[in-house]
C-alpha atoms as a PDB file:
ATOM      1  CA  MET A   1       3.433 -27.036  27.544  1.00  0.00           C
ATOM      2  CA  LYS A   2       2.985 -23.550  29.497  1.00  0.00           C
ATOM      3  CA  ALA A   3       4.927 -22.165  26.616  1.00  0.00           C
ATOM      4  CA  LEU A   4       2.415 -23.960  24.004  1.00  0.00           C
ATOM      5  CA  PRO A   5      -1.150 -21.453  24.480  1.00  0.00           C
ATOM      6  CA  ILE A   6       1.366 -18.403  24.161  1.00  0.00           C
ATOM      7  CA  TYR A   7       2.587 -19.454  20.992  1.00  0.00           C
ATOM      8  CA  PHE A   8      -1.365 -20.536  20.214  1.00  0.00           C
ATOM      9  CA  VAL A   9      -2.180 -17.229  21.153  1.00  0.00           C
ATOM     10  CA  MET A  10       0.117 -15.002  19.507  1.00  0.00           C
ATOM     11  CA  ILE A  11      -0.721 -17.035  16.103  1.00  0.00           C
ATOM     12  CA  LEU A  12      -4.779 -16.069  17.045  1.00  0.00           C
ATOM     13  CA  LEU A  13      -3.697 -11.865  16.923  1.00  0.00           C
ATOM     14  CA  ALA A  14      -1.328 -12.557  13.933  1.00  0.00           C
ATOM     15  CA  VAL A  15      -4.574 -13.854  12.012  1.00  0.00           C
ATOM     16  CA  THR A  16      -6.566 -11.461  13.072  1.00  0.00           C
ATOM     17  CA  GLY A  17      -4.285  -8.712  12.511  1.00  0.00           C
ATOM     18  CA  CYS A  18      -3.779  -9.015   9.114  1.00  0.00           C
ATOM     19  CA  ASP A  19      -5.939  -7.352   6.019  1.00  0.00           C
ATOM     20  CA  ASN A  20      -9.027  -8.492   5.459  1.00  0.00           C
ATOM     21  CA  GLU A  21     -10.846  -7.932   2.114  1.00  0.00           C
ATOM     22  CA  LYS A  22     -13.885  -8.974   1.373  1.00  0.00           C
ATOM     23  CA  VAL A  23     -15.954  -8.980  -2.094  1.00  0.00           C
ATOM     24  CA  VAL A  24     -20.137  -7.450  -0.882  1.00  0.00           C
ATOM     25  CA  ASN A  25     -22.233  -6.548  -2.882  1.00  0.00           C
ATOM     26  CA  GLU A  26     -22.688  -2.594  -3.638  1.00  0.00           C
ATOM     27  CA  THR A  27     -25.528  -2.318  -1.531  1.00  0.00           C
ATOM     28  CA  ASN A  28     -23.271  -2.788   1.430  1.00  0.00           C
ATOM     29  CA  LEU A  29     -21.665   0.359   0.560  1.00  0.00           C
ATOM     30  CA  PRO A  30     -22.991   3.795   2.721  1.00  0.00           C
ATOM     31  CA  ALA A  31     -25.312   6.053   1.033  1.00  0.00           C
ATOM     32  CA  GLN A  32     -23.062   8.967   0.607  1.00  0.00           C
ATOM     33  CA  ALA A  33     -20.841   6.327  -1.864  1.00  0.00           C
ATOM     34  CA  THR A  34     -23.737   5.688  -3.634  1.00  0.00           C
ATOM     35  CA  GLU A  35     -24.689   9.235  -4.002  1.00  0.00           C
ATOM     36  CA  PHE A  36     -21.530  10.342  -5.016  1.00  0.00           C
ATOM     37  CA  ILE A  37     -21.283   7.295  -7.938  1.00  0.00           C
ATOM     38  CA  GLU A  38     -24.737   8.229  -9.345  1.00  0.00           C
ATOM     39  CA  ALA A  39     -23.836  12.542  -9.334  1.00  0.00           C
ATOM     40  CA  HIS A  40     -20.313  11.697 -11.007  1.00  0.00           C
ATOM     41  CA  PHE A  41     -20.254   8.827 -13.040  1.00  0.00           C
ATOM     42  CA  PRO A  42     -24.311   7.891 -14.046  1.00  0.00           C
ATOM     43  CA  ASP A  43     -23.378   5.628 -17.017  1.00  0.00           C
ATOM     44  CA  ALA A  44     -21.727   3.825 -15.769  1.00  0.00           C
ATOM     45  CA  GLY A  45     -22.585   0.406 -13.012  1.00  0.00           C
ATOM     46  CA  ILE A  46     -20.956  -0.844 -10.195  1.00  0.00           C
ATOM     47  CA  ALA A  47     -19.021  -4.003 -11.592  1.00  0.00           C
ATOM     48  CA  ARG A  48     -17.670  -4.596  -8.361  1.00  0.00           C
ATOM     49  CA  VAL A  49     -16.970  -3.907  -4.142  1.00  0.00           C
ATOM     50  CA  VAL A  50     -14.500  -4.603  -1.939  1.00  0.00           C
ATOM     51  CA  ARG A  51     -14.646  -4.135   1.712  1.00  0.00           C
ATOM     52  CA  ASP A  52     -11.463  -3.632   3.455  1.00  0.00           C
ATOM     53  CA  ARG A  53     -10.745  -3.465   6.833  1.00  0.00           C
ATOM     54  CA  ASP A  54      -7.580  -2.501   8.254  1.00  0.00           C
ATOM     55  CA  ASP A  55      -7.016  -2.766  11.768  1.00  0.00           C
ATOM     56  CA  LEU A  56     -10.002  -0.487  13.416  1.00  0.00           C
ATOM     57  CA  LEU A  57     -10.693   1.318   9.495  1.00  0.00           C
ATOM     58  CA  THR A  58     -13.111  -0.015   7.210  1.00  0.00           C
ATOM     59  CA  SER A  59     -12.966   0.771   3.616  1.00  0.00           C
ATOM     60  CA  TYR A  60     -14.645   0.513   0.166  1.00  0.00           C
ATOM     61  CA  ASP A  61     -12.717  -0.101  -2.922  1.00  0.00           C
ATOM     62  CA  VAL A  62     -15.085   0.170  -6.139  1.00  0.00           C
ATOM     63  CA  ILE A  63     -14.623  -0.478  -9.549  1.00  0.00           C
ATOM     64  CA  LEU A  64     -17.265   0.854 -12.215  1.00  0.00           C
ATOM     65  CA  ASP A  65     -18.090  -0.906 -15.230  1.00  0.00           C
ATOM     66  CA  ASN A  66     -15.899   1.625 -17.550  1.00  0.00           C
ATOM     67  CA  GLN A  67     -12.996   0.205 -15.218  1.00  0.00           C
ATOM     68  CA  VAL A  68     -12.650   3.442 -13.071  1.00  0.00           C
ATOM     69  CA  GLU A  69     -11.076   3.048  -9.647  1.00  0.00           C
ATOM     70  CA  LEU A  70     -12.162   4.235  -6.461  1.00  0.00           C
ATOM     71  CA  GLU A  71     -11.620   4.602  -2.863  1.00  0.00           C
ATOM     72  CA  PHE A  72     -14.341   5.750  -0.161  1.00  0.00           C
ATOM     73  CA  ASP A  73     -13.814   5.964   3.661  1.00  0.00           C
ATOM     74  CA  ARG A  74     -16.733   4.095   6.191  1.00  0.00           C
ATOM     75  CA  GLN A  75     -19.026   7.331   5.736  1.00  0.00           C
ATOM     76  CA  GLY A  76     -18.656   6.703   2.039  1.00  0.00           C
ATOM     77  CA  GLU A  77     -17.060   9.880   1.700  1.00  0.00           C
ATOM     78  CA  CYS A  78     -14.440   9.710  -1.804  1.00  0.00           C
ATOM     79  CA  TYR A  79     -10.455  10.247  -1.310  1.00  0.00           C
ATOM     80  CA  SER A  80      -9.211   8.362  -4.722  1.00  0.00           C
ATOM     81  CA  VAL A  81     -10.534   8.476  -8.156  1.00  0.00           C
ATOM     82  CA  ASP A  82      -8.459   6.551 -11.214  1.00  0.00           C
ATOM     83  CA  ALA A  83      -9.322   6.375 -14.544  1.00  0.00           C
ATOM     84  CA  PRO A  84      -7.236   3.837 -17.223  1.00  0.00           C
ATOM     85  CA  GLY A  85      -4.569   4.228 -19.073  1.00  0.00           C
ATOM     86  CA  ASN A  86      -4.916   8.218 -19.693  1.00  0.00           C
ATOM     87  CA  GLU A  87      -8.061   8.869 -19.768  1.00  0.00           C
ATOM     88  CA  ARG A  88      -9.789  11.736 -18.049  1.00  0.00           C
ATOM     89  CA  ILE A  89     -11.869  11.653 -14.815  1.00  0.00           C
ATOM     90  CA  PRO A  90     -14.574  13.692 -14.707  1.00  0.00           C
ATOM     91  CA  ASP A  91     -14.517  17.116 -13.674  1.00  0.00           C
ATOM     92  CA  SER A  92     -17.131  17.470 -11.572  1.00  0.00           C
ATOM     93  CA  VAL A  93     -14.729  15.671  -8.748  1.00  0.00           C
ATOM     94  CA  VAL A  94     -11.887  17.759  -8.731  1.00  0.00           C
ATOM     95  CA  PRO A  95     -12.240  19.965  -6.162  1.00  0.00           C
ATOM     96  CA  LEU A  96     -13.144  24.197  -8.387  1.00  0.00           C
ATOM     97  CA  LYS A  97      -9.777  25.036  -7.240  1.00  0.00           C
ATOM     98  CA  VAL A  98      -7.624  22.677  -8.260  1.00  0.00           C
ATOM     99  CA  LEU A  99      -9.462  21.969 -11.029  1.00  0.00           C
ATOM    100  CA  GLU A 100      -8.935  25.628 -12.257  1.00  0.00           C
ATOM    101  CA  TYR A 101      -4.685  25.619 -11.576  1.00  0.00           C
ATOM    102  CA  VAL A 102      -4.812  22.884 -14.474  1.00  0.00           C
ATOM    103  CA  GLN A 103      -6.955  24.296 -16.555  1.00  0.00           C
ATOM    104  CA  ASP A 104      -4.500  27.445 -16.291  1.00  0.00           C
ATOM    105  CA  ASN A 105      -1.519  26.222 -16.111  1.00  0.00           C
ATOM    106  CA  TYR A 106      -1.806  22.569 -17.589  1.00  0.00           C
ATOM    107  CA  PRO A 107      -4.483  23.382 -20.507  1.00  0.00           C
ATOM    108  CA  ASP A 108      -3.155  20.604 -23.356  1.00  0.00           C
ATOM    109  CA  GLU A 109      -3.536  17.828 -20.604  1.00  0.00           C
ATOM    110  CA  VAL A 110      -6.194  15.823 -18.896  1.00  0.00           C
ATOM    111  CA  ILE A 111      -6.553  14.497 -14.669  1.00  0.00           C
ATOM    112  CA  THR A 112      -6.393  10.911 -15.185  1.00  0.00           C
ATOM    113  CA  GLU A 113      -6.680  10.657 -11.321  1.00  0.00           C
ATOM    114  CA  TRP A 114      -7.285  12.053  -7.960  1.00  0.00           C
ATOM    115  CA  GLU A 115      -6.878  10.980  -4.661  1.00  0.00           C
ATOM    116  CA  LYS A 116      -6.928  12.841  -0.795  1.00  0.00           C
ATOM    117  CA  SER A 117      -4.972  11.991   1.943  1.00  0.00           C
ATOM    118  CA  LYS A 118      -5.418  14.207   5.679  1.00  0.00           C
ATOM    119  CA  THR A 119      -3.318  16.813   4.332  1.00  0.00           C
ATOM    120  CA  THR A 120      -3.010  16.788   0.819  1.00  0.00           C
ATOM    121  CA  GLN A 121      -4.352  16.265  -2.360  1.00  0.00           C
ATOM    122  CA  GLU A 122      -3.306  14.979  -5.508  1.00  0.00           C
ATOM    123  CA  VAL A 123      -3.768  14.923  -8.809  1.00  0.00           C
ATOM    124  CA  LYS A 124      -1.717  13.178 -11.827  1.00  0.00           C
ATOM    125  CA  LEU A 125      -2.040  14.513 -15.599  1.00  0.00           C
ATOM    126  CA  SER A 126      -2.035  12.410 -18.648  1.00  0.00           C
ATOM    127  CA  ASN A 127       1.585  14.161 -19.276  1.00  0.00           C
ATOM    128  CA  ARG A 128       2.510  11.364 -15.744  1.00  0.00           C
ATOM    129  CA  LYS A 129       3.387  14.904 -13.712  1.00  0.00           C
ATOM    130  CA  GLU A 130       2.074  14.694 -10.247  1.00  0.00           C
ATOM    131  CA  LEU A 131       0.932  18.273  -8.786  1.00  0.00           C
ATOM    132  CA  VAL A 132       0.428  18.289  -4.839  1.00  0.00           C
ATOM    133  CA  PHE A 133      -1.926  20.237  -3.320  1.00  0.00           C
ATOM    134  CA  ASN A 134      -3.221  21.083   0.141  1.00  0.00           C
ATOM    135  CA  LEU A 135      -6.442  20.803   0.949  1.00  0.00           C
ATOM    136  CA  SER A 136      -8.018  24.043   0.420  1.00  0.00           C
ATOM    137  CA  GLY A 137      -6.254  23.550  -2.800  1.00  0.00           C
ATOM    138  CA  THR A 138      -3.557  25.752  -2.529  1.00  0.00           C
ATOM    139  CA  PHE A 139      -0.725  24.240  -4.652  1.00  0.00           C
ATOM    140  CA  LEU A 140       2.369  22.904  -3.342  1.00  0.00           C
ATOM    141  CA  ARG A 141       4.872  21.113  -5.617  1.00  0.00           C
ATOM    142  CA  ILE A 142       4.591  19.193  -8.559  1.00  0.00           C
ATOM    143  CA  ASP A 143       6.230  15.361  -7.728  1.00  0.00           C
ATOM    144  CA  ASP A 144       7.048  13.615 -11.246  1.00  0.00           C
END
């Protein structure tokens, strides 16, 4: 019988430690995220917002009515933009130094995805090449 409370606590910790995704109203987005969407996607509406709580981290996954997928941290800073298919994401989303590198070295391709992590940023081109840059925009490598 003494083991029963221990098992109960272990189950409770396992359940509360799992991912927690919840569809929320767009008014729940941080102001910075809303401003980003209005600035870079003025003709698109918000189709769905999912708040994702993973341990102590909160993020927001946003799908626009043009099927572009965005990810924001809890402060509203965008760290991922993904266009459907091989559609171009707005140039204004991509840091200038990265954009210039792509335009100079891949003039026939468009950027279809941009993602930023803690140490790097990555773009995916319409030819499926993935280019990795540091946070200041210096080219590092190609990931195929």
